[in-house]
Amino acid sequence: MLTTRDEPVSVWLDSTDLPTRLVYRGSRYRVVDQPTALPRTPEWPSGISHPPTDVRLAPGWRVTGRTDDGTLLVFDLRLAPHGWTVEATYA
């Protein structure tokens, strides 16, 4: 993993609400794979014996993006109240 949680990102969606491109830290990435939906239920630590069952996370996607110069990153994107954020990036 390369980044901290909840960094802002600009995301463009197609007509079916799938991410097609994004701008992250000033670089433009085109989505080059099939987006995968992120889980909507949180992963609770193993020490919690009775986790709440009604907690839902906002919608999100895991996508692979490529810049024009060929840089590839995998992004975990999550919709927040103020717009899209990057939860994590992977090289």
Protein backbone atom coordinates (compact mmCIF):
# COMPACT_ATOMS: atom_id res chain seq x y z
CA MET A 1 0.00 0.00 0.00
CA LEU A 2 1.32 3.44 -0.88
CA THR A 3 -0.99 6.07 0.60
CA THR A 4 -2.97 7.11 3.63
CA ARG A 5 -6.75 7.08 3.80
CA ASP A 6 -9.25 9.54 2.41
CA GLU A 7 -7.21 11.62 -0.03
CA PRO A 8 -9.46 13.61 -2.39
CA VAL A 9 -9.63 12.52 -6.03
CA SER A 10 -11.65 13.58 -9.08
CA VAL A 11 -13.49 10.64 -10.66
CA TRP A 12 -15.38 10.48 -13.97
CA LEU A 13 -18.09 7.85 -14.34
CA ASP A 14 -19.65 6.36 -17.46
CA SER A 15 -23.39 6.09 -18.11
CA THR A 16 -23.58 2.98 -15.89
CA ASP A 17 -21.80 4.74 -12.97
CA LEU A 18 -18.50 2.87 -13.40
CA PRO A 19 -15.26 4.84 -13.04
CA THR A 20 -13.52 5.52 -16.36
CA ARG A 21 -10.84 8.06 -15.43
CA LEU A 22 -9.54 9.99 -12.47
CA VAL A 23 -7.13 12.74 -11.45
CA TYR A 24 -4.99 11.93 -8.43
CA ARG A 25 -2.21 14.15 -7.08
CA GLY A 26 -2.23 16.15 -10.31
CA SER A 27 -1.90 13.16 -12.67
CA ARG A 28 -4.62 11.87 -14.99
CA TYR A 29 -5.29 8.12 -15.00
CA ARG A 30 -7.49 6.14 -17.36
CA VAL A 31 -9.16 3.03 -15.93
CA VAL A 32 -7.71 0.04 -17.81
CA ASP A 33 -9.58 -2.85 -16.16
CA GLN A 34 -13.07 -3.84 -15.10
CA PRO A 35 -13.86 -1.96 -11.84
CA THR A 36 -14.52 -4.22 -8.84
CA ALA A 37 -17.00 -3.14 -6.18
CA LEU A 38 -15.49 -2.67 -2.71
CA PRO A 39 -17.20 -4.37 0.24
CA ARG A 40 -19.99 -2.37 1.89
CA THR A 41 -19.55 -4.02 5.32
CA PRO A 42 -16.50 -3.16 7.45
CA GLU A 43 -13.94 -5.73 8.54
CA TRP A 44 -14.00 -5.78 12.33
CA PRO A 45 -10.94 -6.73 14.42
CA SER A 46 -11.02 -10.33 15.64
CA GLY A 47 -11.25 -9.16 19.29
CA ILE A 48 -14.75 -7.76 18.78
CA SER A 49 -17.08 -10.62 19.70
CA HIS A 50 -20.36 -8.88 18.78
CA PRO A 51 -19.76 -6.34 16.00
CA PRO A 52 -22.70 -4.18 14.97
CA THR A 53 -24.59 -5.65 12.03
CA ASP A 54 -26.17 -2.45 10.70
CA VAL A 55 -22.97 -0.58 9.71
CA ARG A 56 -22.68 0.03 5.96
CA LEU A 57 -19.81 1.67 4.12
CA ALA A 58 -20.34 4.02 1.19
CA PRO A 59 -20.11 2.60 -2.33
CA GLY A 60 -16.62 2.17 -3.71
CA TRP A 61 -14.52 0.68 -6.49
CA ARG A 62 -11.11 -0.91 -6.96
CA VAL A 63 -9.66 0.10 -10.32
CA THR A 64 -6.34 0.00 -12.13
CA GLY A 65 -5.37 3.33 -13.65
CA ARG A 66 -2.65 4.16 -16.18
CA THR A 67 -1.15 7.56 -16.99
CA ASP A 68 -0.16 8.59 -20.52
CA ASP A 69 3.48 7.79 -19.65
CA GLY A 70 2.55 4.23 -18.60
CA THR A 71 2.54 4.53 -14.81
CA LEU A 72 0.12 1.99 -13.31
CA LEU A 73 -1.54 2.20 -9.90
CA VAL A 74 -4.41 0.29 -8.32
CA PHE A 75 -6.85 2.55 -6.48
CA ASP A 76 -9.46 1.86 -3.82
CA LEU A 77 -12.00 4.66 -4.36
CA ARG A 78 -14.84 5.41 -1.94
CA LEU A 79 -17.68 7.92 -2.29
CA ALA A 80 -17.67 10.34 0.65
CA PRO A 81 -20.19 13.08 1.51
CA HIS A 82 -17.87 15.70 -0.04
CA GLY A 83 -16.88 13.68 -3.14
CA TRP A 84 -14.64 10.75 -4.04
CA THR A 85 -11.63 9.78 -1.93
CA VAL A 86 -8.74 7.36 -2.33
CA GLU A 87 -8.66 4.87 0.55
CA ALA A 88 -5.47 3.19 -0.69
CA THR A 89 -3.19 2.87 -3.69
CA TYR A 90 -1.08 -0.11 -4.66
CA ALA A 91 1.87 -0.24 -7.07
